[in-house]
Protein backbone atom coordinates (compact mmCIF):
# COMPACT_ATOMS: atom_id res chain seq x y z
CA MET A 1 1.36 -5.02 -9.93
CA LEU A 2 1.27 -3.90 -13.53
CA TRP A 3 3.82 -1.14 -12.94
CA VAL A 4 6.29 -3.88 -11.78
CA ALA A 5 5.58 -5.90 -14.96
CA LEU A 6 6.10 -2.71 -17.04
CA VAL A 7 9.43 -1.92 -15.45
CA TRP A 8 10.68 -5.45 -15.73
CA THR A 9 9.54 -5.43 -19.38
CA ILE A 10 11.78 -2.48 -20.08
CA PHE A 11 14.62 -4.10 -18.49
CA GLY A 12 13.93 -7.22 -20.62
CA PHE A 13 14.08 -5.08 -23.68
CA LEU A 14 17.37 -3.50 -22.61
CA ASP A 15 18.73 -6.97 -21.75
CA ALA A 16 18.16 -8.12 -25.35
CA LEU A 17 19.89 -5.01 -26.64
CA ASN A 18 22.82 -5.63 -24.43
CA THR A 19 23.09 -9.26 -25.64
CA GLU A 20 23.11 -8.08 -29.29
CA ALA A 21 25.75 -5.53 -28.44
CA MET A 22 27.92 -8.22 -26.84
CA SER A 23 27.72 -10.21 -30.15
CA ASN A 24 30.04 -13.12 -29.51
CA THR A 25 28.32 -14.51 -26.30
CA ALA A 26 27.85 -17.98 -25.13
CA LEU A 27 24.19 -17.95 -26.07
CA LEU A 28 25.03 -16.98 -29.71
CA GLN A 29 27.60 -19.85 -29.90
CA ALA A 30 25.08 -22.36 -28.36
CA THR A 31 22.38 -21.96 -31.08
CA GLU A 32 22.41 -21.44 -34.79
CA ARG A 33 18.95 -20.10 -34.77
CA TYR A 34 19.81 -16.81 -33.07
CA GLN A 35 18.13 -13.86 -34.79
CA PHE A 36 17.96 -10.45 -33.11
CA GLN A 37 14.39 -9.47 -33.73
CA PRO A 38 12.73 -12.73 -32.55
CA PHE A 39 15.11 -12.76 -29.59
CA LEU A 40 14.26 -9.15 -28.70
CA LEU A 41 10.55 -9.84 -28.70
CA LEU A 42 10.61 -13.13 -26.91
CA ASN A 43 13.13 -11.93 -24.27
CA THR A 44 10.93 -8.79 -23.62
CA PHE A 45 7.80 -11.02 -23.32
CA ILE A 46 9.58 -13.49 -20.91
CA TRP A 47 10.65 -10.60 -18.79
CA PHE A 48 7.10 -9.16 -18.71
CA ILE A 49 5.74 -12.52 -17.54
CA SER A 50 8.50 -12.61 -14.85
CA GLY A 51 7.62 -9.12 -13.86
CA PHE A 52 3.90 -9.86 -13.64
CA ALA A 53 4.37 -13.10 -11.72
CA SER A 54 6.88 -11.37 -9.30
CA GLY A 55 4.64 -8.37 -8.80
CA PHE A 56 1.63 -10.70 -8.04
CA ALA A 57 3.61 -12.56 -5.48
CA LEU A 58 5.14 -9.58 -3.92
CA ILE A 59 2.08 -7.38 -3.66
CA PHE A 60 -0.52 -9.96 -2.77
CA TYR A 61 1.56 -12.31 -0.61
CA LEU A 62 5.17 -11.47 0.18
CA ARG A 63 4.67 -7.88 1.11
CA GLU A 64 1.64 -8.57 3.39
CA SER A 65 3.40 -11.39 5.31
CA GLY A 66 6.64 -9.30 5.50
CA ARG A 67 4.94 -6.43 7.27
CA SER A 68 5.26 -8.25 10.65
CA LYS A 69 9.05 -8.86 10.01
CA TYR A 70 11.99 -6.34 10.04
CA PHE A 71 12.91 -4.98 6.66
CA GLY A 72 16.24 -6.69 6.42
CA TYR A 73 14.60 -10.19 6.79
CA ALA A 74 11.74 -9.35 4.38
CA PHE A 75 14.20 -7.83 1.83
CA LEU A 76 16.39 -10.91 1.70
CA ARG A 77 13.55 -13.37 1.62
CA ASN A 78 11.51 -11.52 -1.04
CA SER A 79 14.53 -10.91 -3.27
CA ILE A 80 15.45 -14.56 -3.27
CA VAL A 81 11.75 -15.54 -4.04
CA LEU A 82 11.63 -13.10 -6.95
CA THR A 83 14.97 -14.27 -8.23
CA LEU A 84 13.75 -17.82 -8.21
CA ILE A 85 10.60 -16.92 -10.10
CA HIS A 86 12.77 -15.16 -12.67
CA PHE A 87 15.02 -18.29 -12.82
CA SER A 88 12.01 -20.50 -13.45
CA ILE A 89 10.37 -18.43 -16.10
CA HIS A 90 13.41 -16.85 -17.88
CA GLY A 91 15.81 -19.79 -17.39
CA ILE A 92 13.56 -22.79 -18.28
CA VAL A 93 10.66 -21.59 -20.37
CA PHE A 94 12.74 -19.23 -22.61
CA GLN A 95 15.32 -22.08 -23.38
CA LEU A 96 12.73 -24.77 -24.17
CA ILE A 97 10.76 -22.52 -26.46
CA ARG A 98 13.66 -20.74 -28.10
CA GLN A 99 16.31 -23.43 -28.78
CA THR A 100 14.35 -26.48 -30.05
CA ASN A 101 12.01 -27.50 -32.91
CA THR A 102 10.72 -30.72 -31.30
CA ALA A 103 7.50 -30.92 -29.27
CA ASN A 104 8.99 -33.45 -26.98
CA LEU A 105 10.21 -31.49 -24.00
CA GLY A 106 12.02 -34.51 -22.64
CA ASP A 107 14.27 -34.85 -25.72
CA GLN A 108 17.84 -35.17 -24.63
CA SER A 109 19.04 -32.53 -26.97
CA VAL A 110 16.74 -30.05 -25.48
CA VAL A 111 17.75 -31.02 -21.91
CA TYR A 112 21.39 -30.75 -22.89
CA LYS A 113 21.10 -27.32 -24.54
CA THR A 114 19.10 -26.08 -21.63
CA LEU A 115 21.77 -27.22 -19.01
CA GLN A 116 24.52 -25.90 -21.37
CA TRP A 117 22.72 -22.47 -21.46
CA LEU A 118 22.18 -22.38 -17.71
CA GLY A 119 25.85 -22.60 -17.16
CA SER A 120 26.75 -19.96 -19.72
CA PRO A 121 28.04 -16.49 -18.94
CA TYR A 122 24.90 -15.00 -20.50
CA TYR A 123 22.58 -16.71 -18.06
CA THR A 124 24.83 -15.79 -15.12
CA LYS A 125 24.52 -12.15 -16.23
CA SER A 126 20.78 -12.59 -16.66
CA LEU A 127 20.40 -14.10 -13.18
CA VAL A 128 22.47 -11.36 -11.60
CA MET A 129 20.49 -8.70 -13.36
CA GLY A 130 17.21 -10.40 -12.31
CA TYR A 131 18.31 -10.19 -8.57
CA ILE A 132 19.26 -6.64 -8.89
CA ILE A 133 15.88 -5.71 -10.49
CA ALA A 134 14.04 -7.77 -7.84
CA ALA A 135 16.02 -5.87 -5.12
CA LEU A 136 15.20 -2.48 -6.66
CA THR A 137 11.52 -3.49 -6.92
CA ILE A 138 11.38 -4.43 -3.19
CA VAL A 139 13.25 -1.14 -2.26
CA ALA A 140 10.77 0.91 -4.39
CA LEU A 141 7.75 -0.70 -2.75
CA HIS A 142 9.20 -0.13 0.68
CA VAL A 143 9.75 3.58 -0.21
CA ASN A 144 6.38 3.75 -1.56
CA ASP A 145 5.08 2.30 1.72
CA LYS A 146 7.07 4.99 3.59
CA PHE A 147 5.40 7.83 1.81
CA GLY A 148 2.08 6.16 1.14
CA PRO A 149 0.34 4.83 -1.97
CA GLY A 150 0.78 7.21 -4.80
CA MET A 151 2.74 9.87 -2.94
CA LEU A 152 6.14 8.65 -4.19
CA ARG A 153 5.05 9.19 -7.76
CA LYS A 154 3.87 12.69 -6.93
CA ILE A 155 7.16 13.53 -5.32
CA LEU A 156 9.17 12.20 -8.26
CA LEU A 157 7.13 14.22 -10.66
CA GLY A 158 7.52 17.38 -8.45
CA ASN A 159 3.85 17.84 -7.77
CA TYR A 160 4.55 19.28 -4.32
CA TYR A 161 7.96 20.90 -5.06
CA GLN A 162 6.06 24.20 -4.93
CA PRO A 163 3.09 24.59 -2.61
CA VAL A 164 -0.22 23.89 -4.16
CA GLN A 165 -3.73 24.10 -2.96
CA GLU A 166 -5.98 21.00 -3.03
CA GLU A 167 -9.54 20.03 -1.99
CA ARG A 168 -9.06 17.07 0.36
CA ILE A 169 -11.03 14.98 2.91
CA PHE A 170 -9.22 14.24 6.23
CA LEU A 171 -9.90 11.49 8.78
CA PHE A 172 -8.31 11.75 12.17
CA VAL A 173 -8.29 8.27 14.01
CA ASP A 174 -7.36 8.16 17.68
CA MET A 175 -7.30 5.18 20.03
CA LYS A 176 -9.55 5.53 23.07
CA SER A 177 -8.18 5.61 26.69
CA SER A 178 -4.61 5.18 25.25
CA THR A 179 -2.96 6.88 28.28
CA THR A 180 -4.64 4.60 30.76
CA ILE A 181 -3.88 1.53 28.65
CA ALA A 182 -0.20 2.53 28.31
CA GLU A 183 0.13 2.96 32.08
CA LYS A 184 -1.50 -0.46 32.71
CA MET A 185 0.45 -2.56 30.29
CA GLY A 186 3.74 -0.61 30.06
CA HIS A 187 5.01 1.47 27.22
CA LEU A 188 6.86 -1.42 25.41
CA ARG A 189 3.65 -3.59 25.23
CA PHE A 190 1.67 -0.58 24.36
CA HIS A 191 3.90 0.19 21.49
CA SER A 192 3.41 -3.38 20.21
CA LEU A 193 -0.24 -2.88 20.48
CA LEU A 194 -0.09 0.29 18.50
CA ASN A 195 1.95 -1.48 15.78
CA ASP A 196 -0.53 -4.34 15.47
CA PHE A 197 -3.47 -1.85 15.49
CA PHE A 198 -1.97 0.31 12.74
CA ARG A 199 -1.01 -2.77 10.72
CA ASP A 200 -4.53 -4.21 10.94
CA ILE A 201 -6.24 -0.97 9.81
CA THR A 202 -3.95 -0.63 6.76
CA ASN A 203 -5.94 -2.72 4.41
CA PRO A 204 -9.19 -0.80 4.92
CA ILE A 205 -7.18 2.37 4.12
CA LEU A 206 -5.79 0.85 0.98
CA TYR A 207 -9.15 -0.54 -0.06
CA THR A 208 -10.87 2.79 0.20
CA SER A 209 -7.95 4.69 -1.70
CA GLY A 210 -6.90 6.44 1.43
CA GLU A 211 -3.39 7.88 2.01
CA VAL A 212 -1.79 7.69 5.43
CA LEU A 213 -0.23 11.17 6.01
CA GLN A 214 1.28 10.62 9.36
CA TYR A 215 1.23 8.62 12.73
CA VAL A 216 1.33 10.82 15.80
CA GLY A 217 1.51 8.64 18.96
CA ASP A 218 -1.69 6.77 19.05
CA GLU A 219 -3.30 8.80 16.29
CA VAL A 220 -3.27 8.17 12.55
CA VAL A 221 -4.14 10.92 9.96
CA ILE A 222 -5.72 9.63 6.65
CA SER A 223 -6.58 11.80 3.61
CA TRP A 224 -8.26 11.47 0.26
CA THR A 225 -8.64 13.61 -2.68
CA MET A 226 -12.31 14.80 -2.96
CA LYS A 227 -12.97 12.48 -5.94
CA LYS A 228 -11.62 9.31 -4.30
CA GLY A 229 -12.98 10.10 -0.89
CA ILE A 230 -16.53 10.84 -2.00
CA HIS A 231 -16.68 7.87 -4.36
CA LYS A 232 -18.88 5.21 -2.82
CA ALA A 233 -18.46 7.07 0.53
CA ASN A 234 -14.85 5.77 0.80
CA CYS A 235 -14.04 8.11 3.60
CA VAL A 236 -16.84 6.93 5.75
CA ARG A 237 -16.57 3.24 4.76
CA CYS A 238 -12.97 3.34 5.70
CA PHE A 239 -13.71 4.04 9.45
CA TYR A 240 -16.40 1.32 9.73
CA GLU A 241 -14.26 -1.23 7.91
CA MET A 242 -11.49 -0.51 10.39
CA GLN A 243 -13.96 -1.44 13.07
CA THR A 244 -14.83 -4.54 11.23
CA ILE A 245 -11.25 -5.69 10.84
CA ILE A 246 -10.38 -4.96 14.57
CA HIS A 247 -13.63 -6.83 15.57
CA LYS A 248 -12.59 -9.79 13.62
CA GLN A 249 -9.18 -9.73 15.21
CA SER A 250 -10.72 -9.41 18.69
CA GLU A 251 -9.57 -12.81 19.93
CA LYS A 252 -6.00 -12.04 18.88
CA TYR A 253 -5.99 -8.76 20.82
CA LYS A 254 -7.68 -10.37 23.86
CA ASP A 255 -5.13 -13.22 24.10
CA LYS A 256 -2.14 -11.00 23.52
CA TYR A 257 -3.09 -7.80 25.37
CA GLY A 258 -6.23 -8.59 27.41
CA LEU A 259 -8.37 -5.98 25.53
CA VAL A 260 -9.51 -4.96 22.18
CA PRO A 261 -8.75 -1.47 21.11
CA GLU A 262 -11.44 1.03 20.59
CA PHE A 263 -11.02 4.28 18.50
CA LYS A 264 -12.82 7.40 17.49
CA GLY A 265 -12.64 9.35 14.27
CA GLY A 266 -13.36 12.92 12.98
CA LEU A 267 -14.05 13.63 9.35
CA HIS A 268 -13.98 17.06 7.56
CA CYS A 269 -13.07 18.34 4.10
CA GLY A 270 -11.90 21.61 2.47
CA THR A 271 -9.04 23.46 0.72
CA VAL A 272 -5.55 22.80 2.21
CA THR A 273 -2.01 23.95 1.10
CA ALA A 274 0.21 20.97 0.26
CA GLY A 275 3.99 21.09 -0.32
CA GLU A 276 7.30 19.54 0.53
CA ILE A 277 9.03 20.63 3.64
CA GLY A 278 12.33 19.83 5.40
CA VAL A 279 15.94 19.54 4.47
CA ILE A 280 17.61 16.41 5.83
CA LYS A 281 14.30 14.67 6.13
CA LYS A 282 11.67 15.73 3.55
CA ASP A 283 7.94 15.21 3.82
CA VAL A 284 4.74 16.43 2.31
CA VAL A 285 2.76 18.54 4.73
CA PHE A 286 -0.89 19.67 4.45
CA SER A 287 -1.81 22.79 6.33
CA GLY A 288 -4.82 24.92 6.82
CA ASP A 289 -7.96 25.41 8.88
CA VAL A 290 -9.47 22.15 7.54
CA VAL A 291 -6.64 20.12 9.25
CA ASN A 292 -7.17 21.85 12.61
CA THR A 293 -10.97 21.61 12.41
CA THR A 294 -10.84 17.84 11.63
CA SER A 295 -8.65 17.26 14.81
CA ARG A 296 -11.05 19.32 16.86
CA ILE A 297 -13.93 17.34 15.51
CA GLN A 298 -12.30 14.08 16.52
CA SER A 299 -11.61 15.34 20.01
CA LEU A 300 -15.28 15.85 20.48
CA CYS A 301 -16.31 12.19 20.08
CA ASN A 302 -16.15 11.48 23.74
CA GLU A 303 -18.12 14.56 24.60
CA TYR A 304 -20.98 13.30 22.39
CA ASN A 305 -20.46 9.70 23.25
CA VAL A 306 -19.96 8.58 19.55
CA ASN A 307 -17.28 6.76 17.68
CA LEU A 308 -17.48 8.95 14.54
CA LEU A 309 -18.21 12.66 13.88
CA LEU A 310 -18.30 14.43 10.64
CA SER A 311 -19.09 17.98 9.44
CA LYS A 312 -22.29 18.71 7.62
CA TYR A 313 -20.22 20.35 4.91
CA LEU A 314 -18.74 16.90 4.13
CA LEU A 315 -21.99 15.05 4.59
CA ASP A 316 -23.77 17.17 1.97
CA LYS A 317 -21.06 16.31 -0.60
CA LEU A 318 -21.41 12.54 0.06
CA HIS A 319 -24.93 12.10 -1.32
CA LEU A 320 -25.44 8.96 0.63
CA PRO A 321 -28.32 6.74 -0.12
CA PRO A 322 -30.67 6.35 2.72
CA SER A 323 -30.46 2.64 2.70
CA ASP A 324 -26.59 2.63 3.46
CA PHE A 325 -26.03 5.22 6.10
CA TYR A 326 -28.34 6.95 8.59
CA PRO A 327 -26.93 10.45 9.50
CA LYS A 328 -27.87 11.81 12.89
CA ARG A 329 -27.32 15.42 13.94
CA VAL A 330 -25.46 15.85 17.24
CA GLY A 331 -24.59 19.47 17.64
CA MET A 332 -22.52 22.62 16.65
CA ILE A 333 -18.97 23.57 17.43
CA GLU A 334 -17.44 27.11 17.54
CA LEU A 335 -13.88 27.24 16.48
CA LYS A 336 -11.31 29.49 18.15
CA GLY A 337 -10.88 32.79 16.22
CA LYS A 338 -13.67 31.85 13.80
CA ARG A 339 -17.26 33.25 13.74
CA GLN A 340 -18.62 30.47 11.66
CA LYS A 341 -19.87 27.39 13.47
CA VAL A 342 -19.46 23.78 12.25
CA GLU A 343 -22.56 21.52 12.32
CA LEU A 344 -21.75 17.95 13.42
CA TYR A 345 -23.27 14.63 12.38
CA THR A 346 -22.69 11.06 13.23
CA PHE A 347 -24.36 7.85 11.98
CA GLU A 348 -26.90 5.62 13.70
CA GLU A 349 -26.03 1.92 13.66
CA SER A 350 -28.25 -0.53 11.72
CA GLU A 351 -28.43 -4.31 11.85
CA LYS A 352 -29.06 -4.15 8.15
CA ASN A 353 -25.79 -2.33 7.47
CA GLN A 354 -22.87 -4.78 7.41
CA LEU A 355 -20.43 -1.92 7.71
CA PHE A 356 -21.49 -1.38 11.46
CA HIS A 357 -19.86 -3.90 13.71
CA PRO A 358 -19.61 -3.17 17.41
CA ILE A 359 -16.18 -3.04 18.91
CA LEU A 360 -15.83 -5.21 22.15
CA GLU A 361 -14.16 -3.85 25.14
CA LEU A 362 -12.75 -6.63 27.16
CA GLY A 363 -11.96 -6.25 30.76
């Protein structure tokens, strides 16, 4: 939200400079009180307020409600709403504050000057500029959603232009019995189920500072930097908050699909190589034994009859308070081509722990 306000503020500053450069505009003719420096400061401030309000509306309401719509519809609706916000703040507030000395906002001279200014070429230019910036903001957020939170910034800065090594935590989440479910309900309805499932678990990922690396069929791969993933056990809380969200939406899934999706997860951490790859479709790819091991850990959930498995290597780094999570050792796995075994743990469920909510399986 703040970065939206910052970008809009910069455009407001540039808009004021452009107005000064045009010199003989309708705005300059409409008021004898025009002075460049006050106008620059006030115009920049008004654009900041417009950007802040637009960012708040877009991030906390419009983007969330637009996720269930196709992009063209969301783009048109959101751009119109942001332009109206800009119209209200920049068009009305600016004029009432800047062009009158009276405290009576209903004064006829104030109303006349406001209406006169709203019909001026300057305001038309400002309104068009506001719409363009609103559209660019929406596109930027959409691209950010495409790459994942924070990833677009890293790509623009060239963080992954050359391969780098990073310490990361990975969580592989896979829907249970997906093949059977797809055969029963058909692939089109199953695709709709997957879309609803991935949409519903998005907020827990965002709240725990996770990054969605990719969707593969009915599986989603999530990652954290070590610092963010370990902080307040974000990587573990993410999984159980996903369960909580799906549990709260159980009636929706029951009415729409006749079942509530269950899922399993595998957690592991270590050093990976990260870098951009591809030509006509670029992506940031993480590779290494850690990724393969995490996938292997997730695949063993059914064998141990648990919803979540994590490596002892990661567990030791979490430093979990005993009152929050109750680790339970479940076994060891031996990886192909590796002599070193990986010790696996899960968590016992506790009624005192609000993170643990059972997922219902509906006939």
